[in-house]
C-alpha cells in the first residue's frame, strides 16, 4: 500500500524542562508498507533558503523508528526506547559525534490516520545538549492512492 497523507509535525527542545524552539509544520507526505514495516516520507524546506529541501524518511518497524535524512548536513537517527544510538551530525564545517537516548518511542499506524511520538535526550561530543520531543500526526489525503 502507498497513499498520500497530510502531516502535522510539531517538534521542540526543552531547556530546564521548559519547551523552547517550537517548530510546527503542515505538509504532504507518503505512507507505504504493510503489517510490520511502514515508511513515512516527507520533505521540509530550510527556513533560511526555501530552495534547500530536505527529504526525510521515517521507517517504523517492531518498536524501532529510524529517521534518515537526504542532505549532506544533518543526521540519521535510530530510536529504540531505552537504547542509546550513537551517530554523526554532519555540518558544513565538519562532523560532530552525536547520540540520542529515547524515553518515548510510540507509533500507531491506521488506515486513515496515525501518529508518531518521540521523546529523547540529545548529546553532542559526549555532552548533554538538550531534551527533544517530536509529534507527527497524519491523515489520509481525501482517499488519494498511488
N, C-alpha and C. Protein backbone atom coordinates (compact mmCIF):
# COMPACT_ATOMS: atom_id res chain seq x y z
N UNK A 1 0.84 -1.18 0.00
CA UNK A 1 0.00 0.00 0.00
C UNK A 1 0.89 1.25 0.00
N UNK A 2 0.49 2.23 -0.77
CA UNK A 2 1.13 3.55 -0.75
C UNK A 2 0.02 4.57 -0.89
N UNK A 3 0.02 5.55 0.03
CA UNK A 3 -1.02 6.57 -0.03
C UNK A 3 -0.43 7.93 0.32
N UNK A 4 -1.05 8.95 -0.22
CA UNK A 4 -0.69 10.32 0.10
C UNK A 4 -1.38 10.71 1.41
N UNK A 5 -0.62 11.33 2.31
CA UNK A 5 -1.17 11.71 3.61
C UNK A 5 -0.84 13.17 3.91
N UNK A 6 -1.67 13.79 4.70
CA UNK A 6 -1.41 15.13 5.22
C UNK A 6 -0.76 14.98 6.58
N UNK A 7 0.32 15.73 6.82
CA UNK A 7 1.08 15.61 8.05
C UNK A 7 1.02 16.88 8.87
N UNK A 8 0.90 16.71 10.17
CA UNK A 8 1.06 17.79 11.13
C UNK A 8 2.25 17.40 11.99
N UNK A 9 3.30 18.22 11.96
CA UNK A 9 4.54 17.90 12.67
C UNK A 9 4.82 19.00 13.68
N UNK A 10 5.03 18.60 14.93
CA UNK A 10 5.40 19.54 15.98
C UNK A 10 6.64 18.99 16.67
N UNK A 11 7.66 19.82 16.75
CA UNK A 11 8.88 19.43 17.43
C UNK A 11 9.37 20.55 18.30
N UNK A 12 9.98 20.21 19.42
CA UNK A 12 10.56 21.24 20.26
C UNK A 12 11.65 20.65 21.14
N UNK A 13 12.51 21.54 21.58
CA UNK A 13 13.53 21.17 22.56
C UNK A 13 13.11 21.74 23.90
N UNK A 14 13.72 21.21 24.96
CA UNK A 14 13.42 21.69 26.31
C UNK A 14 14.72 22.05 27.00
N UNK A 15 14.71 23.19 27.62
CA UNK A 15 15.83 23.62 28.45
C UNK A 15 15.32 23.76 29.87
N UNK A 16 15.94 23.04 30.79
CA UNK A 16 15.49 23.03 32.19
C UNK A 16 14.01 22.67 32.30
N UNK A 17 13.55 21.76 31.44
CA UNK A 17 12.17 21.30 31.48
C UNK A 17 11.16 22.23 30.84
N UNK A 18 11.62 23.37 30.31
CA UNK A 18 10.72 24.35 29.69
C UNK A 18 10.87 24.29 28.17
N UNK A 19 9.77 24.02 27.44
CA UNK A 19 9.86 23.95 25.97
C UNK A 19 10.28 25.28 25.35
N UNK A 20 11.18 25.18 24.37
CA UNK A 20 11.56 26.34 23.56
C UNK A 20 11.82 25.86 22.14
N UNK A 21 12.08 26.75 21.26
CA UNK A 21 12.33 26.42 19.85
C UNK A 21 11.25 25.51 19.26
N UNK A 22 9.98 25.89 19.44
CA UNK A 22 8.87 25.09 18.91
C UNK A 22 8.79 25.27 17.40
N UNK A 23 8.70 24.15 16.70
CA UNK A 23 8.55 24.16 15.24
C UNK A 23 7.27 23.42 14.91
N UNK A 24 6.41 24.06 14.11
CA UNK A 24 5.17 23.43 13.64
C UNK A 24 5.17 23.48 12.13
N UNK A 25 4.79 22.37 11.54
CA UNK A 25 4.80 22.30 10.08
C UNK A 25 3.64 21.42 9.62
N UNK A 26 3.03 21.83 8.52
CA UNK A 26 2.00 21.03 7.86
C UNK A 26 2.50 20.77 6.45
N UNK A 27 2.44 19.53 6.02
CA UNK A 27 2.94 19.18 4.69
C UNK A 27 2.25 17.92 4.21
N UNK A 28 2.54 17.56 2.98
CA UNK A 28 2.04 16.33 2.39
C UNK A 28 3.18 15.32 2.38
N UNK A 29 2.85 14.07 2.61
CA UNK A 29 3.85 13.01 2.59
C UNK A 29 3.27 11.75 2.00
N UNK A 30 4.05 10.70 2.08
CA UNK A 30 3.63 9.40 1.54
C UNK A 30 3.84 8.33 2.59
N UNK A 31 2.82 7.52 2.80
CA UNK A 31 2.88 6.39 3.72
C UNK A 31 2.84 5.13 2.89
N UNK A 32 3.78 4.22 3.16
CA UNK A 32 3.78 2.94 2.45
C UNK A 32 4.15 1.84 3.42
N UNK A 33 3.74 0.64 3.09
CA UNK A 33 4.08 -0.52 3.90
C UNK A 33 2.89 -1.41 4.14
N UNK A 34 3.12 -2.39 4.97
CA UNK A 34 2.07 -3.30 5.38
C UNK A 34 2.54 -4.08 6.59
N UNK A 35 1.63 -4.43 7.42
CA UNK A 35 1.96 -5.27 8.56
C UNK A 35 2.99 -4.70 9.51
N UNK A 36 4.21 -5.25 9.48
CA UNK A 36 5.23 -4.91 10.46
C UNK A 36 6.10 -3.71 10.13
N UNK A 37 6.25 -3.36 8.86
CA UNK A 37 7.16 -2.29 8.48
C UNK A 37 6.45 -1.23 7.65
N UNK A 38 6.61 0.03 8.07
CA UNK A 38 5.99 1.17 7.40
C UNK A 38 7.04 2.23 7.13
N UNK A 39 6.84 2.99 6.07
CA UNK A 39 7.71 4.13 5.75
C UNK A 39 6.84 5.36 5.57
N UNK A 40 7.26 6.44 6.19
CA UNK A 40 6.60 7.73 6.05
C UNK A 40 7.64 8.68 5.48
N UNK A 41 7.35 9.24 4.30
CA UNK A 41 8.30 10.13 3.63
C UNK A 41 7.68 11.51 3.47
N UNK A 42 8.51 12.54 3.71
CA UNK A 42 8.06 13.91 3.51
C UNK A 42 9.28 14.78 3.27
N UNK A 43 9.03 15.99 2.79
CA UNK A 43 10.10 16.95 2.55
C UNK A 43 9.86 18.18 3.41
N UNK A 44 10.96 18.80 3.81
CA UNK A 44 10.87 20.06 4.54
C UNK A 44 11.87 21.03 3.94
N UNK A 45 11.55 22.30 4.02
CA UNK A 45 12.46 23.31 3.49
C UNK A 45 13.14 24.03 4.64
N UNK A 46 14.31 24.54 4.35
CA UNK A 46 15.06 25.29 5.35
C UNK A 46 14.42 26.66 5.54
N UNK A 47 14.33 27.13 6.78
CA UNK A 47 13.78 28.47 6.99
C UNK A 47 14.68 29.55 6.39
N UNK A 48 15.95 29.22 6.17
CA UNK A 48 16.90 30.18 5.62
C UNK A 48 16.91 30.21 4.10
N UNK A 49 16.51 29.10 3.46
CA UNK A 49 16.57 29.02 2.00
C UNK A 49 15.51 28.04 1.52
N UNK A 50 14.42 28.55 0.94
CA UNK A 50 13.31 27.69 0.53
C UNK A 50 13.71 26.72 -0.59
N UNK A 51 14.81 26.98 -1.28
CA UNK A 51 15.30 26.05 -2.31
C UNK A 51 16.01 24.85 -1.69
N UNK A 52 16.34 24.96 -0.41
CA UNK A 52 17.08 23.93 0.32
C UNK A 52 16.09 22.92 0.90
N UNK A 53 15.79 21.85 0.14
CA UNK A 53 14.83 20.83 0.57
C UNK A 53 15.53 19.65 1.21
N UNK A 54 14.95 19.18 2.27
CA UNK A 54 15.45 18.02 2.98
C UNK A 54 14.38 16.94 2.90
N UNK A 55 14.74 15.77 2.43
CA UNK A 55 13.81 14.66 2.31
C UNK A 55 14.03 13.72 3.50
N UNK A 56 12.98 13.54 4.28
CA UNK A 56 13.03 12.72 5.49
C UNK A 56 12.27 11.42 5.25
N UNK A 57 12.85 10.32 5.68
CA UNK A 57 12.16 9.03 5.66
C UNK A 57 12.18 8.46 7.07
N UNK A 58 11.00 8.18 7.59
CA UNK A 58 10.85 7.50 8.87
C UNK A 58 10.45 6.06 8.58
N UNK A 59 11.23 5.12 9.07
CA UNK A 59 10.91 3.70 8.94
C UNK A 59 10.49 3.21 10.31
N UNK A 60 9.30 2.62 10.38
CA UNK A 60 8.72 2.16 11.64
C UNK A 60 8.61 0.64 11.57
N UNK A 61 9.31 -0.05 12.46
CA UNK A 61 9.29 -1.50 12.42
C UNK A 61 9.59 -2.08 13.79
N UNK A 62 8.68 -2.86 14.30
CA UNK A 62 8.86 -3.62 15.54
C UNK A 62 9.36 -2.76 16.71
N UNK A 63 8.72 -1.59 16.92
CA UNK A 63 9.07 -0.74 18.04
C UNK A 63 10.27 0.16 17.82
N UNK A 64 10.85 0.12 16.63
CA UNK A 64 12.01 0.94 16.29
C UNK A 64 11.62 1.97 15.24
N UNK A 65 12.10 3.19 15.40
CA UNK A 65 11.90 4.23 14.40
C UNK A 65 13.27 4.67 13.92
N UNK A 66 13.49 4.59 12.61
CA UNK A 66 14.74 5.05 12.01
C UNK A 66 14.42 6.27 11.17
N UNK A 67 15.17 7.36 11.40
CA UNK A 67 14.98 8.60 10.65
C UNK A 67 16.20 8.81 9.76
N UNK A 68 15.98 8.86 8.45
CA UNK A 68 17.08 9.13 7.52
C UNK A 68 16.85 10.48 6.86
N UNK A 69 17.95 11.13 6.56
CA UNK A 69 17.98 12.50 6.09
C UNK A 69 18.73 12.51 4.77
N UNK A 70 18.17 13.12 3.74
CA UNK A 70 18.77 13.08 2.41
C UNK A 70 19.93 14.05 2.22
N UNK A 71 20.07 15.01 3.10
CA UNK A 71 21.07 16.04 2.89
C UNK A 71 22.44 15.67 3.43
N UNK A 72 23.44 16.36 2.91
CA UNK A 72 24.81 16.16 3.38
C UNK A 72 24.98 16.70 4.79
N UNK A 73 24.09 17.63 5.21
CA UNK A 73 24.14 18.11 6.59
C UNK A 73 22.97 17.52 7.35
N UNK A 74 23.12 17.39 8.65
CA UNK A 74 22.07 16.79 9.46
C UNK A 74 22.53 15.44 9.98
N UNK A 75 21.58 14.60 10.36
CA UNK A 75 21.92 13.31 10.97
C UNK A 75 20.87 12.28 10.65
N UNK A 76 21.30 11.03 10.62
CA UNK A 76 20.39 9.90 10.61
C UNK A 76 20.32 9.41 12.05
N UNK A 77 19.13 8.98 12.49
CA UNK A 77 18.97 8.58 13.88
C UNK A 77 18.13 7.31 13.99
N UNK A 78 18.42 6.52 15.01
CA UNK A 78 17.66 5.32 15.31
C UNK A 78 17.11 5.46 16.72
N UNK A 79 15.80 5.27 16.86
CA UNK A 79 15.13 5.42 18.14
C UNK A 79 14.58 4.07 18.60
N UNK A 80 15.15 3.57 19.69
CA UNK A 80 14.66 2.37 20.36
C UNK A 80 14.57 2.75 21.83
N UNK A 81 13.38 2.64 22.39
CA UNK A 81 13.18 3.09 23.78
C UNK A 81 14.21 2.44 24.71
N UNK A 82 14.90 3.29 25.46
CA UNK A 82 15.86 2.82 26.44
C UNK A 82 17.23 2.45 25.88
N UNK A 83 17.44 2.63 24.57
CA UNK A 83 18.73 2.30 23.95
C UNK A 83 19.38 3.56 23.38
N UNK A 84 20.64 3.72 23.67
CA UNK A 84 21.40 4.87 23.18
C UNK A 84 21.87 4.57 21.76
N UNK A 85 21.67 5.53 20.86
CA UNK A 85 22.16 5.42 19.49
C UNK A 85 23.24 6.48 19.28
N UNK A 86 24.40 6.07 18.84
CA UNK A 86 25.48 6.99 18.56
C UNK A 86 25.67 7.11 17.06
N UNK A 87 25.78 8.35 16.60
CA UNK A 87 25.95 8.62 15.18
C UNK A 87 26.76 9.88 14.99
N UNK A 88 26.59 10.48 13.81
CA UNK A 88 27.33 11.67 13.45
C UNK A 88 26.35 12.73 12.97
N UNK A 89 26.54 13.95 13.45
CA UNK A 89 25.78 15.09 12.96
C UNK A 89 26.69 15.83 11.97
N UNK A 90 26.23 15.89 10.71
CA UNK A 90 27.04 16.47 9.64
C UNK A 90 26.72 17.97 9.51
N UNK A 91 27.76 18.80 9.52
CA UNK A 91 27.60 20.24 9.31
C UNK A 91 28.52 20.66 8.17
N UNK A 92 28.31 21.84 7.60
CA UNK A 92 29.22 22.32 6.56
C UNK A 92 30.64 22.55 7.08
N UNK A 93 30.81 22.60 8.39
CA UNK A 93 32.11 22.90 8.99
C UNK A 93 32.81 21.66 9.54
N UNK A 94 32.18 20.51 9.42
CA UNK A 94 32.75 19.26 9.93
C UNK A 94 31.70 18.46 10.69
N UNK A 95 32.08 17.29 11.10
CA UNK A 95 31.16 16.38 11.78
C UNK A 95 31.32 16.46 13.29
N UNK A 96 30.20 16.24 14.00
CA UNK A 96 30.19 16.15 15.46
C UNK A 96 29.65 14.78 15.85
N UNK A 97 30.25 14.19 16.87
CA UNK A 97 29.67 12.97 17.42
C UNK A 97 28.36 13.34 18.08
N UNK A 98 27.36 12.51 17.85
CA UNK A 98 26.02 12.79 18.34
C UNK A 98 25.44 11.50 18.90
N UNK A 99 24.59 11.61 19.89
CA UNK A 99 23.90 10.45 20.43
C UNK A 99 22.49 10.84 20.82
N UNK A 100 21.56 9.90 20.67
CA UNK A 100 20.19 10.09 21.14
C UNK A 100 19.87 8.95 22.11
N UNK A 101 19.15 9.31 23.16
CA UNK A 101 18.69 8.33 24.13
C UNK A 101 17.19 8.54 24.31
N UNK A 102 16.36 7.73 23.63
CA UNK A 102 14.90 7.92 23.68
C UNK A 102 14.26 7.37 24.94
N UNK A 103 13.31 8.12 25.48
CA UNK A 103 12.50 7.66 26.60
C UNK A 103 11.09 7.29 26.14
N UNK A 104 10.66 7.86 25.00
CA UNK A 104 9.36 7.53 24.42
C UNK A 104 9.56 7.24 22.93
N UNK A 105 9.11 6.07 22.50
CA UNK A 105 9.12 5.70 21.09
C UNK A 105 7.80 4.99 20.84
N UNK A 106 6.80 5.75 20.38
CA UNK A 106 5.46 5.19 20.16
C UNK A 106 4.97 5.56 18.77
N UNK A 107 4.27 4.65 18.15
CA UNK A 107 3.59 4.97 16.90
C UNK A 107 2.35 4.10 16.75
N UNK A 108 1.40 4.67 16.04
CA UNK A 108 0.15 3.97 15.71
C UNK A 108 -0.11 4.22 14.23
N UNK A 109 -0.19 3.15 13.47
CA UNK A 109 -0.45 3.25 12.04
C UNK A 109 -1.87 2.77 11.80
N UNK A 110 -2.73 3.65 11.31
CA UNK A 110 -4.10 3.29 11.00
C UNK A 110 -4.37 3.46 9.52
N UNK A 111 -5.45 2.92 9.05
CA UNK A 111 -5.81 3.00 7.63
C UNK A 111 -6.01 4.45 7.18
N UNK A 112 -6.67 5.26 8.00
CA UNK A 112 -6.97 6.64 7.61
C UNK A 112 -6.22 7.70 8.42
N UNK A 113 -5.60 7.30 9.52
CA UNK A 113 -4.85 8.25 10.34
C UNK A 113 -3.88 7.50 11.23
N UNK A 114 -2.94 8.25 11.77
CA UNK A 114 -1.97 7.64 12.67
C UNK A 114 -1.11 8.70 13.32
N UNK A 115 -0.20 8.26 14.18
CA UNK A 115 0.66 9.22 14.86
C UNK A 115 1.97 8.57 15.27
N UNK A 116 2.97 9.44 15.46
CA UNK A 116 4.29 9.05 15.91
C UNK A 116 4.66 9.99 17.05
N UNK A 117 5.18 9.45 18.15
CA UNK A 117 5.60 10.28 19.28
C UNK A 117 6.99 9.84 19.73
N UNK A 118 7.90 10.80 19.78
CA UNK A 118 9.26 10.57 20.23
C UNK A 118 9.62 11.58 21.31
N UNK A 119 10.32 11.10 22.31
CA UNK A 119 10.90 11.97 23.32
C UNK A 119 12.30 11.43 23.57
N UNK A 120 13.32 12.31 23.48
CA UNK A 120 14.69 11.81 23.58
C UNK A 120 15.65 12.89 24.06
N UNK A 121 16.75 12.42 24.63
CA UNK A 121 17.85 13.29 25.03
C UNK A 121 18.86 13.31 23.89
N UNK A 122 19.42 14.48 23.63
CA UNK A 122 20.41 14.66 22.57
C UNK A 122 21.74 15.06 23.20
N UNK A 123 22.80 14.36 22.81
CA UNK A 123 24.15 14.66 23.27
C UNK A 123 25.03 14.98 22.06
N UNK A 124 25.95 15.93 22.23
CA UNK A 124 26.96 16.22 21.21
C UNK A 124 28.34 16.06 21.85
N UNK A 125 29.20 15.35 21.16
CA UNK A 125 30.56 15.10 21.64
C UNK A 125 30.58 14.62 23.08
N UNK A 126 29.64 13.73 23.42
CA UNK A 126 29.60 13.13 24.74
C UNK A 126 29.03 14.01 25.84
N UNK A 127 28.53 15.19 25.48
CA UNK A 127 27.98 16.12 26.47
C UNK A 127 26.49 16.32 26.22
N UNK A 128 25.74 16.34 27.30
CA UNK A 128 24.30 16.60 27.22
C UNK A 128 24.05 17.94 26.50
N UNK A 129 23.15 17.93 25.53
CA UNK A 129 22.80 19.16 24.81
C UNK A 129 21.39 19.62 25.16
N UNK A 130 20.39 18.73 25.06
CA UNK A 130 19.01 19.13 25.31
C UNK A 130 18.10 17.92 25.26
N UNK A 131 16.85 18.14 25.66
CA UNK A 131 15.79 17.14 25.52
C UNK A 131 14.90 17.58 24.37
N UNK A 132 14.37 16.62 23.62
CA UNK A 132 13.54 16.92 22.45
C UNK A 132 12.28 16.07 22.44
N UNK A 133 11.25 16.63 21.83
CA UNK A 133 10.03 15.88 21.55
C UNK A 133 9.63 16.12 20.11
N UNK A 134 9.13 15.07 19.48
CA UNK A 134 8.65 15.15 18.11
C UNK A 134 7.31 14.43 18.04
N UNK A 135 6.28 15.13 17.55
CA UNK A 135 4.94 14.56 17.41
C UNK A 135 4.51 14.73 15.95
N UNK A 136 4.18 13.62 15.33
CA UNK A 136 3.73 13.64 13.93
C UNK A 136 2.37 12.96 13.88
N UNK A 137 1.41 13.64 13.28
CA UNK A 137 0.09 13.06 13.05
C UNK A 137 -0.15 13.08 11.55
N UNK A 138 -0.80 12.03 11.05
CA UNK A 138 -1.14 12.02 9.62
C UNK A 138 -2.60 11.63 9.44
N UNK A 139 -3.12 12.07 8.31
CA UNK A 139 -4.48 11.72 7.91
C UNK A 139 -4.48 11.46 6.41
N UNK A 140 -5.27 10.50 5.98
CA UNK A 140 -5.40 10.19 4.56
C UNK A 140 -5.83 11.44 3.80
N UNK A 141 -5.18 11.72 2.70
CA UNK A 141 -5.50 12.91 1.91
C UNK A 141 -6.65 12.58 0.97
N UNK A 142 -7.84 12.69 1.46
CA UNK A 142 -9.07 12.51 0.68
C UNK A 142 -9.09 11.21 -0.12
N UNK A 143 -8.52 10.15 0.43
CA UNK A 143 -8.57 8.87 -0.23
C UNK A 143 -7.66 8.75 -1.44
N UNK A 144 -6.74 9.70 -1.65
CA UNK A 144 -5.84 9.63 -2.79
C UNK A 144 -4.88 8.46 -2.60
N UNK A 145 -4.77 7.63 -3.61
CA UNK A 145 -3.87 6.47 -3.56
C UNK A 145 -2.99 6.45 -4.81
N UNK A 146 -1.76 5.95 -4.62
CA UNK A 146 -0.82 5.85 -5.73
C UNK A 146 -0.41 4.40 -5.91
